[in-house]
Amino acid sequence: MTDIMSKEQRSRTMSKIRAKSKLEDLFASALWKRGLRFRRNVKSLKGTPDIAIKKYKIVIFVDSCFWHVCPEHFKRPKSNQEFWDEKFKRNVERDAEITSYYIERNWHIKRIWEHEIRQNLEKTVDETVRFIDMAKNLHPAILSNHRT
């Protein structure tokens, strides 16, 4: 099937896609209501995490099923396949590089598929709160503040 938009229209449309989707807003709002405090889309951190708590070295990425090639929901575009294959391959490679970057530096990293939020926001928020609590408890700054 051919793309119904011209190359210029498609380019203009794709260039308008930015961070902070409505789904991410919903997720971040639910975390905020639980009393968690964090920064969003922190450009000073590699990969611009969707949620970051620098004090505890925590980064969270909400990955789109389309752009990040979800194994459950990804549907490859039928037109311009060579371009898209290269684009998606690079996205997956970049995700792996960013994940490795944070792990090598002892950061706590969590990746969430957008479908997890869509299917069960409450469960995803609960799991994320537990992840953040665990990361805070493991953080060396916290451990060094305890007296023996």
N, C-alpha and C. Protein backbone atom coordinates (compact mmCIF):
# COMPACT_ATOMS: atom_id res chain seq x y z
N MET A 1 0.84 -1.18 0.00
CA MET A 1 0.00 0.00 0.00
C MET A 1 0.89 1.25 0.00
N THR A 2 0.54 2.20 -0.81
CA THR A 2 1.31 3.43 -0.91
C THR A 2 0.87 4.41 0.16
N ASP A 3 1.82 5.22 0.57
CA ASP A 3 1.53 6.24 1.57
C ASP A 3 0.58 7.27 0.95
N ILE A 4 -0.45 7.67 1.69
CA ILE A 4 -1.42 8.63 1.16
C ILE A 4 -0.91 10.07 1.25
N MET A 5 0.19 10.27 1.98
CA MET A 5 0.77 11.61 2.08
C MET A 5 1.97 11.71 1.15
N SER A 6 2.23 12.93 0.71
CA SER A 6 3.44 13.16 -0.08
C SER A 6 4.64 13.05 0.86
N LYS A 7 5.81 12.96 0.28
CA LYS A 7 7.03 12.86 1.08
C LYS A 7 7.17 14.08 2.00
N GLU A 8 6.85 15.26 1.49
CA GLU A 8 6.95 16.50 2.27
C GLU A 8 5.93 16.52 3.41
N GLN A 9 4.69 16.08 3.12
CA GLN A 9 3.66 16.04 4.16
C GLN A 9 4.05 15.06 5.27
N ARG A 10 4.55 13.89 4.87
CA ARG A 10 4.96 12.88 5.85
C ARG A 10 6.10 13.42 6.71
N SER A 11 7.04 14.07 6.09
CA SER A 11 8.18 14.63 6.81
C SER A 11 7.71 15.67 7.83
N ARG A 12 6.79 16.55 7.41
CA ARG A 12 6.25 17.58 8.30
C ARG A 12 5.51 16.93 9.47
N THR A 13 4.71 15.93 9.18
CA THR A 13 3.94 15.23 10.22
C THR A 13 4.88 14.56 11.22
N MET A 14 5.88 13.84 10.72
CA MET A 14 6.79 13.12 11.60
C MET A 14 7.63 14.07 12.45
N SER A 15 7.96 15.24 11.91
CA SER A 15 8.79 16.19 12.66
C SER A 15 8.05 16.80 13.85
N LYS A 16 6.73 16.71 13.84
CA LYS A 16 5.94 17.27 14.93
C LYS A 16 5.78 16.31 16.12
N ILE A 17 6.22 15.08 15.95
CA ILE A 17 6.12 14.10 17.03
C ILE A 17 7.19 14.44 18.06
N ARG A 18 6.78 14.66 19.27
CA ARG A 18 7.67 15.06 20.35
C ARG A 18 7.44 14.20 21.58
N ALA A 19 8.27 14.45 22.58
CA ALA A 19 8.14 13.76 23.86
C ALA A 19 6.86 14.21 24.56
N LYS A 20 6.56 13.58 25.65
CA LYS A 20 5.39 13.88 26.48
C LYS A 20 4.08 13.59 25.76
N SER A 21 3.82 12.33 25.52
CA SER A 21 2.53 11.95 24.95
C SER A 21 1.47 12.03 26.04
N LYS A 22 0.21 11.97 25.65
CA LYS A 22 -0.88 11.99 26.63
C LYS A 22 -0.78 10.80 27.57
N LEU A 23 -0.34 9.68 27.03
CA LEU A 23 -0.17 8.47 27.84
C LEU A 23 0.91 8.69 28.91
N GLU A 24 2.02 9.31 28.52
CA GLU A 24 3.08 9.62 29.47
C GLU A 24 2.58 10.61 30.52
N ASP A 25 1.78 11.59 30.10
CA ASP A 25 1.20 12.55 31.04
C ASP A 25 0.33 11.84 32.07
N LEU A 26 -0.49 10.91 31.61
CA LEU A 26 -1.37 10.14 32.49
C LEU A 26 -0.55 9.34 33.49
N PHE A 27 0.48 8.67 33.01
CA PHE A 27 1.36 7.85 33.85
C PHE A 27 2.09 8.72 34.88
N ALA A 28 2.69 9.82 34.43
CA ALA A 28 3.42 10.71 35.33
C ALA A 28 2.49 11.32 36.37
N SER A 29 1.30 11.67 35.96
CA SER A 29 0.31 12.23 36.89
C SER A 29 -0.05 11.23 37.98
N ALA A 30 -0.21 9.97 37.59
CA ALA A 30 -0.54 8.91 38.56
C ALA A 30 0.61 8.72 39.56
N LEU A 31 1.85 8.79 39.08
CA LEU A 31 3.00 8.67 39.98
C LEU A 31 3.07 9.87 40.92
N TRP A 32 2.80 11.06 40.40
CA TRP A 32 2.83 12.28 41.19
C TRP A 32 1.78 12.21 42.31
N LYS A 33 0.61 11.68 41.98
CA LYS A 33 -0.47 11.55 42.97
C LYS A 33 -0.08 10.59 44.09
N ARG A 34 0.85 9.69 43.81
CA ARG A 34 1.34 8.75 44.83
C ARG A 34 2.42 9.39 45.70
N GLY A 35 2.72 10.65 45.44
CA GLY A 35 3.70 11.36 46.26
C GLY A 35 5.13 11.31 45.74
N LEU A 36 5.33 10.73 44.58
CA LEU A 36 6.68 10.68 44.01
C LEU A 36 7.01 12.01 43.35
N ARG A 37 8.24 12.45 43.53
CA ARG A 37 8.68 13.70 42.92
C ARG A 37 9.84 13.39 41.98
N PHE A 38 9.76 13.95 40.79
CA PHE A 38 10.72 13.62 39.74
C PHE A 38 10.72 14.72 38.70
N ARG A 39 11.63 14.62 37.76
CA ARG A 39 11.69 15.53 36.62
C ARG A 39 11.33 14.74 35.37
N ARG A 40 10.77 15.44 34.40
CA ARG A 40 10.37 14.79 33.14
C ARG A 40 11.23 15.28 31.99
N ASN A 41 11.48 14.36 31.07
CA ASN A 41 12.21 14.66 29.83
C ASN A 41 13.47 15.49 30.10
N VAL A 42 14.34 14.93 30.92
CA VAL A 42 15.56 15.62 31.35
C VAL A 42 16.61 15.56 30.24
N LYS A 43 16.76 16.67 29.55
CA LYS A 43 17.65 16.73 28.39
C LYS A 43 19.12 16.58 28.77
N SER A 44 19.47 16.90 30.01
CA SER A 44 20.87 16.79 30.43
C SER A 44 21.30 15.35 30.65
N LEU A 45 20.35 14.42 30.68
CA LEU A 45 20.67 13.00 30.85
C LEU A 45 20.61 12.29 29.50
N LYS A 46 21.49 11.34 29.32
CA LYS A 46 21.57 10.60 28.05
C LYS A 46 20.23 9.94 27.72
N GLY A 47 19.78 10.12 26.50
CA GLY A 47 18.54 9.51 26.05
C GLY A 47 17.29 10.26 26.45
N THR A 48 17.44 11.38 27.15
CA THR A 48 16.31 12.19 27.63
C THR A 48 15.23 11.30 28.27
N PRO A 49 15.52 10.76 29.46
CA PRO A 49 14.53 9.89 30.12
C PRO A 49 13.20 10.60 30.31
N ASP A 50 12.12 9.83 30.23
CA ASP A 50 10.78 10.39 30.43
C ASP A 50 10.60 10.82 31.88
N ILE A 51 11.19 10.06 32.79
CA ILE A 51 11.13 10.38 34.22
C ILE A 51 12.52 10.15 34.80
N ALA A 52 12.98 11.09 35.64
CA ALA A 52 14.30 10.94 36.25
C ALA A 52 14.28 11.46 37.68
N ILE A 53 14.99 10.74 38.53
CA ILE A 53 15.24 11.18 39.91
C ILE A 53 16.75 11.09 40.08
N LYS A 54 17.44 12.17 39.78
CA LYS A 54 18.91 12.18 39.78
C LYS A 54 19.49 11.80 41.14
N LYS A 55 18.88 12.28 42.21
CA LYS A 55 19.39 12.04 43.56
C LYS A 55 19.61 10.55 43.82
N TYR A 56 18.73 9.73 43.29
CA TYR A 56 18.80 8.29 43.51
C TYR A 56 19.26 7.52 42.26
N LYS A 57 19.70 8.26 41.24
CA LYS A 57 20.18 7.66 40.00
C LYS A 57 19.11 6.73 39.40
N ILE A 58 17.92 7.27 39.22
CA ILE A 58 16.79 6.52 38.66
C ILE A 58 16.36 7.17 37.35
N VAL A 59 16.23 6.36 36.30
CA VAL A 59 15.67 6.84 35.03
C VAL A 59 14.62 5.85 34.56
N ILE A 60 13.54 6.40 34.01
CA ILE A 60 12.44 5.58 33.51
C ILE A 60 12.12 6.05 32.09
N PHE A 61 12.01 5.09 31.19
CA PHE A 61 11.65 5.37 29.81
C PHE A 61 10.32 4.71 29.50
N VAL A 62 9.39 5.47 28.92
CA VAL A 62 8.13 4.91 28.43
C VAL A 62 8.31 4.76 26.93
N ASP A 63 8.40 3.52 26.48
CA ASP A 63 8.71 3.23 25.08
C ASP A 63 7.44 2.97 24.28
N SER A 64 7.31 3.69 23.19
CA SER A 64 6.20 3.51 22.26
C SER A 64 6.32 2.15 21.57
N CYS A 65 5.20 1.46 21.47
CA CYS A 65 5.20 0.14 20.81
C CYS A 65 5.65 0.26 19.35
N PHE A 66 5.32 1.36 18.70
CA PHE A 66 5.69 1.55 17.30
C PHE A 66 7.18 1.91 17.16
N TRP A 67 7.61 2.98 17.80
CA TRP A 67 8.96 3.49 17.60
C TRP A 67 10.05 2.61 18.18
N HIS A 68 9.71 1.85 19.22
CA HIS A 68 10.72 1.03 19.90
C HIS A 68 10.57 -0.46 19.60
N VAL A 69 9.70 -0.80 18.65
CA VAL A 69 9.55 -2.16 18.12
C VAL A 69 9.14 -3.16 19.21
N CYS A 70 7.97 -2.93 19.77
CA CYS A 70 7.41 -3.83 20.78
C CYS A 70 7.21 -5.23 20.18
N PRO A 71 7.69 -6.27 20.87
CA PRO A 71 7.53 -7.62 20.32
C PRO A 71 6.07 -8.08 20.24
N GLU A 72 5.19 -7.45 21.00
CA GLU A 72 3.77 -7.84 20.99
C GLU A 72 2.94 -7.06 19.98
N HIS A 73 3.24 -5.76 19.79
CA HIS A 73 2.33 -4.91 19.02
C HIS A 73 2.92 -4.22 17.80
N PHE A 74 4.19 -4.38 17.57
CA PHE A 74 4.81 -3.66 16.46
C PHE A 74 4.27 -4.13 15.12
N LYS A 75 3.89 -3.16 14.29
CA LYS A 75 3.46 -3.44 12.92
C LYS A 75 4.35 -2.61 11.99
N ARG A 76 5.08 -3.30 11.16
CA ARG A 76 6.01 -2.64 10.24
C ARG A 76 5.24 -1.96 9.12
N PRO A 77 5.56 -0.70 8.83
CA PRO A 77 4.91 -0.01 7.72
C PRO A 77 5.17 -0.74 6.40
N LYS A 78 4.18 -0.70 5.54
CA LYS A 78 4.29 -1.43 4.28
C LYS A 78 5.03 -0.64 3.20
N SER A 79 5.00 0.68 3.31
CA SER A 79 5.70 1.49 2.30
C SER A 79 7.10 1.86 2.79
N ASN A 80 7.98 2.09 1.86
CA ASN A 80 9.34 2.56 2.14
C ASN A 80 10.03 1.68 3.18
N GLN A 81 9.92 0.37 3.01
CA GLN A 81 10.38 -0.58 4.02
C GLN A 81 11.87 -0.49 4.33
N GLU A 82 12.67 -0.23 3.34
CA GLU A 82 14.11 -0.13 3.60
C GLU A 82 14.41 1.00 4.58
N PHE A 83 13.79 2.15 4.36
CA PHE A 83 13.97 3.28 5.27
C PHE A 83 13.53 2.92 6.68
N TRP A 84 12.32 2.36 6.80
CA TRP A 84 11.77 2.04 8.12
C TRP A 84 12.58 0.96 8.82
N ASP A 85 13.01 -0.05 8.08
CA ASP A 85 13.82 -1.11 8.70
C ASP A 85 15.08 -0.53 9.34
N GLU A 86 15.74 0.37 8.61
CA GLU A 86 16.95 1.00 9.13
C GLU A 86 16.62 1.89 10.33
N LYS A 87 15.54 2.64 10.23
CA LYS A 87 15.11 3.52 11.33
C LYS A 87 14.84 2.72 12.60
N PHE A 88 14.05 1.66 12.48
CA PHE A 88 13.70 0.86 13.65
C PHE A 88 14.91 0.13 14.21
N LYS A 89 15.77 -0.35 13.33
CA LYS A 89 17.00 -1.03 13.77
C LYS A 89 17.83 -0.08 14.62
N ARG A 90 17.98 1.14 14.15
CA ARG A 90 18.77 2.15 14.88
C ARG A 90 18.10 2.49 16.22
N ASN A 91 16.77 2.59 16.24
CA ASN A 91 16.07 2.87 17.49
C ASN A 91 16.34 1.79 18.53
N VAL A 92 16.26 0.53 18.11
CA VAL A 92 16.49 -0.60 19.02
C VAL A 92 17.95 -0.58 19.50
N GLU A 93 18.88 -0.32 18.59
CA GLU A 93 20.30 -0.22 18.97
C GLU A 93 20.51 0.90 19.98
N ARG A 94 19.89 2.05 19.74
CA ARG A 94 20.03 3.20 20.64
C ARG A 94 19.47 2.87 22.02
N ASP A 95 18.31 2.21 22.06
CA ASP A 95 17.74 1.81 23.35
C ASP A 95 18.72 0.93 24.12
N ALA A 96 19.33 -0.03 23.43
CA ALA A 96 20.30 -0.93 24.08
C ALA A 96 21.52 -0.16 24.56
N GLU A 97 22.00 0.78 23.75
CA GLU A 97 23.15 1.61 24.14
C GLU A 97 22.84 2.44 25.38
N ILE A 98 21.67 3.03 25.40
CA ILE A 98 21.28 3.87 26.53
C ILE A 98 21.11 3.02 27.79
N THR A 99 20.48 1.87 27.66
CA THR A 99 20.32 0.97 28.80
C THR A 99 21.69 0.58 29.35
N SER A 100 22.60 0.19 28.47
CA SER A 100 23.96 -0.19 28.90
C SER A 100 24.68 0.98 29.57
N TYR A 101 24.52 2.16 29.01
CA TYR A 101 25.15 3.36 29.56
C TYR A 101 24.77 3.54 31.03
N TYR A 102 23.49 3.44 31.33
CA TYR A 102 23.04 3.65 32.71
C TYR A 102 23.44 2.49 33.62
N ILE A 103 23.36 1.28 33.13
CA ILE A 103 23.75 0.12 33.94
C ILE A 103 25.23 0.20 34.30
N GLU A 104 26.07 0.55 33.32
CA GLU A 104 27.52 0.66 33.57
C GLU A 104 27.84 1.74 34.59
N ARG A 105 26.98 2.70 34.75
CA ARG A 105 27.20 3.80 35.69
C ARG A 105 26.40 3.61 36.98
N ASN A 106 25.89 2.42 37.17
CA ASN A 106 25.15 2.05 38.39
C ASN A 106 23.87 2.86 38.61
N TRP A 107 23.21 3.20 37.53
CA TRP A 107 21.90 3.83 37.63
C TRP A 107 20.84 2.73 37.62
N HIS A 108 19.69 3.06 38.16
CA HIS A 108 18.54 2.16 38.14
C HIS A 108 17.68 2.57 36.94
N ILE A 109 17.51 1.65 36.01
CA ILE A 109 16.77 1.98 34.79
C ILE A 109 15.58 1.05 34.63
N LYS A 110 14.45 1.65 34.26
CA LYS A 110 13.24 0.88 34.01
C LYS A 110 12.69 1.31 32.65
N ARG A 111 12.33 0.32 31.84
CA ARG A 111 11.70 0.59 30.55
C ARG A 111 10.29 0.03 30.60
N ILE A 112 9.34 0.84 30.20
CA ILE A 112 7.93 0.46 30.24
C ILE A 112 7.37 0.58 28.82
N TRP A 113 6.69 -0.45 28.35
CA TRP A 113 6.02 -0.38 27.05
C TRP A 113 4.73 0.42 27.21
N GLU A 114 4.41 1.21 26.20
CA GLU A 114 3.18 2.00 26.26
C GLU A 114 1.96 1.12 26.47
N HIS A 115 1.97 -0.11 25.93
CA HIS A 115 0.79 -0.98 26.08
C HIS A 115 0.59 -1.41 27.54
N GLU A 116 1.66 -1.43 28.33
CA GLU A 116 1.51 -1.77 29.75
C GLU A 116 0.66 -0.71 30.46
N ILE A 117 0.88 0.54 30.10
CA ILE A 117 0.11 1.64 30.69
C ILE A 117 -1.33 1.59 30.19
N ARG A 118 -1.49 1.38 28.90
CA ARG A 118 -2.84 1.30 28.32
C ARG A 118 -3.65 0.15 28.92
N GLN A 119 -3.02 -1.00 29.08
CA GLN A 119 -3.74 -2.19 29.54
C GLN A 119 -4.06 -2.14 31.03
N ASN A 120 -3.14 -1.59 31.84
CA ASN A 120 -3.39 -1.58 33.27
C ASN A 120 -2.53 -0.51 33.94
N LEU A 121 -3.04 0.71 33.93
CA LEU A 121 -2.33 1.84 34.50
C LEU A 121 -1.98 1.59 35.96
N GLU A 122 -2.96 1.16 36.74
CA GLU A 122 -2.77 0.94 38.18
C GLU A 122 -1.63 -0.04 38.46
N LYS A 123 -1.63 -1.16 37.75
CA LYS A 123 -0.59 -2.17 37.94
C LYS A 123 0.79 -1.61 37.56
N THR A 124 0.85 -0.89 36.45
CA THR A 124 2.11 -0.32 35.99
C THR A 124 2.63 0.71 36.98
N VAL A 125 1.74 1.52 37.53
CA VAL A 125 2.13 2.51 38.53
C VAL A 125 2.63 1.79 39.79
N ASP A 126 1.90 0.77 40.25
CA ASP A 126 2.32 0.00 41.43
C ASP A 126 3.72 -0.58 41.24
N GLU A 127 3.96 -1.19 40.09
CA GLU A 127 5.27 -1.79 39.80
C GLU A 127 6.36 -0.72 39.77
N THR A 128 6.04 0.44 39.23
CA THR A 128 7.01 1.52 39.14
C THR A 128 7.31 2.09 40.51
N VAL A 129 6.30 2.24 41.35
CA VAL A 129 6.51 2.72 42.72
C VAL A 129 7.42 1.74 43.47
N ARG A 130 7.17 0.45 43.33
CA ARG A 130 8.02 -0.56 43.98
C ARG A 130 9.46 -0.47 43.46
N PHE A 131 9.61 -0.28 42.14
CA PHE A 131 10.93 -0.14 41.54
C PHE A 131 11.66 1.07 42.13
N ILE A 132 10.98 2.19 42.22
CA ILE A 132 11.59 3.41 42.76
C ILE A 132 11.95 3.23 44.23
N ASP A 133 11.04 2.65 45.01
CA ASP A 133 11.33 2.40 46.43
C ASP A 133 12.55 1.50 46.59
N MET A 134 12.62 0.44 45.79
CA MET A 134 13.76 -0.47 45.84
C MET A 134 15.05 0.27 45.48
N ALA A 135 15.00 1.06 44.43
CA ALA A 135 16.18 1.80 43.99
C ALA A 135 16.64 2.79 45.07
N LYS A 136 15.70 3.46 45.71
CA LYS A 136 16.04 4.40 46.79
C LYS A 136 16.72 3.66 47.94
N ASN A 137 16.20 2.50 48.28
CA ASN A 137 16.76 1.72 49.39
C ASN A 137 18.15 1.17 49.07
N LEU A 138 18.44 0.95 47.81
CA LEU A 138 19.75 0.42 47.40
C LEU A 138 20.77 1.51 47.15
N HIS A 139 20.33 2.74 47.08
CA HIS A 139 21.21 3.84 46.70
C HIS A 139 22.30 4.06 47.75
N PRO A 140 23.57 4.14 47.32
CA PRO A 140 24.69 4.31 48.26
C PRO A 140 24.59 5.55 49.14
N ALA A 141 24.03 6.63 48.63
CA ALA A 141 23.90 7.86 49.43
C ALA A 141 23.02 7.61 50.65
N ILE A 142 21.99 6.81 50.46
CA ILE A 142 21.10 6.48 51.57
C ILE A 142 21.82 5.57 52.56
N LEU A 143 22.51 4.55 52.04
CA LEU A 143 23.20 3.60 52.91
C LEU A 143 24.27 4.29 53.73
N SER A 144 24.98 5.25 53.14
CA SER A 144 26.07 5.91 53.86
C SER A 144 25.55 6.85 54.95
N ASN A 145 24.28 7.21 54.90
CA ASN A 145 23.72 8.09 55.92
C ASN A 145 23.29 7.34 57.18
N HIS A 146 23.21 6.01 57.11
CA HIS A 146 22.81 5.22 58.26
C HIS A 146 23.97 5.07 59.23
N ARG A 147 23.68 5.22 60.51
CA ARG A 147 24.72 5.03 61.52
C ARG A 147 24.65 3.61 62.04
N THR A 148 25.80 3.07 62.36
CA THR A 148 25.82 1.70 62.90
C THR A 148 26.00 1.70 64.39
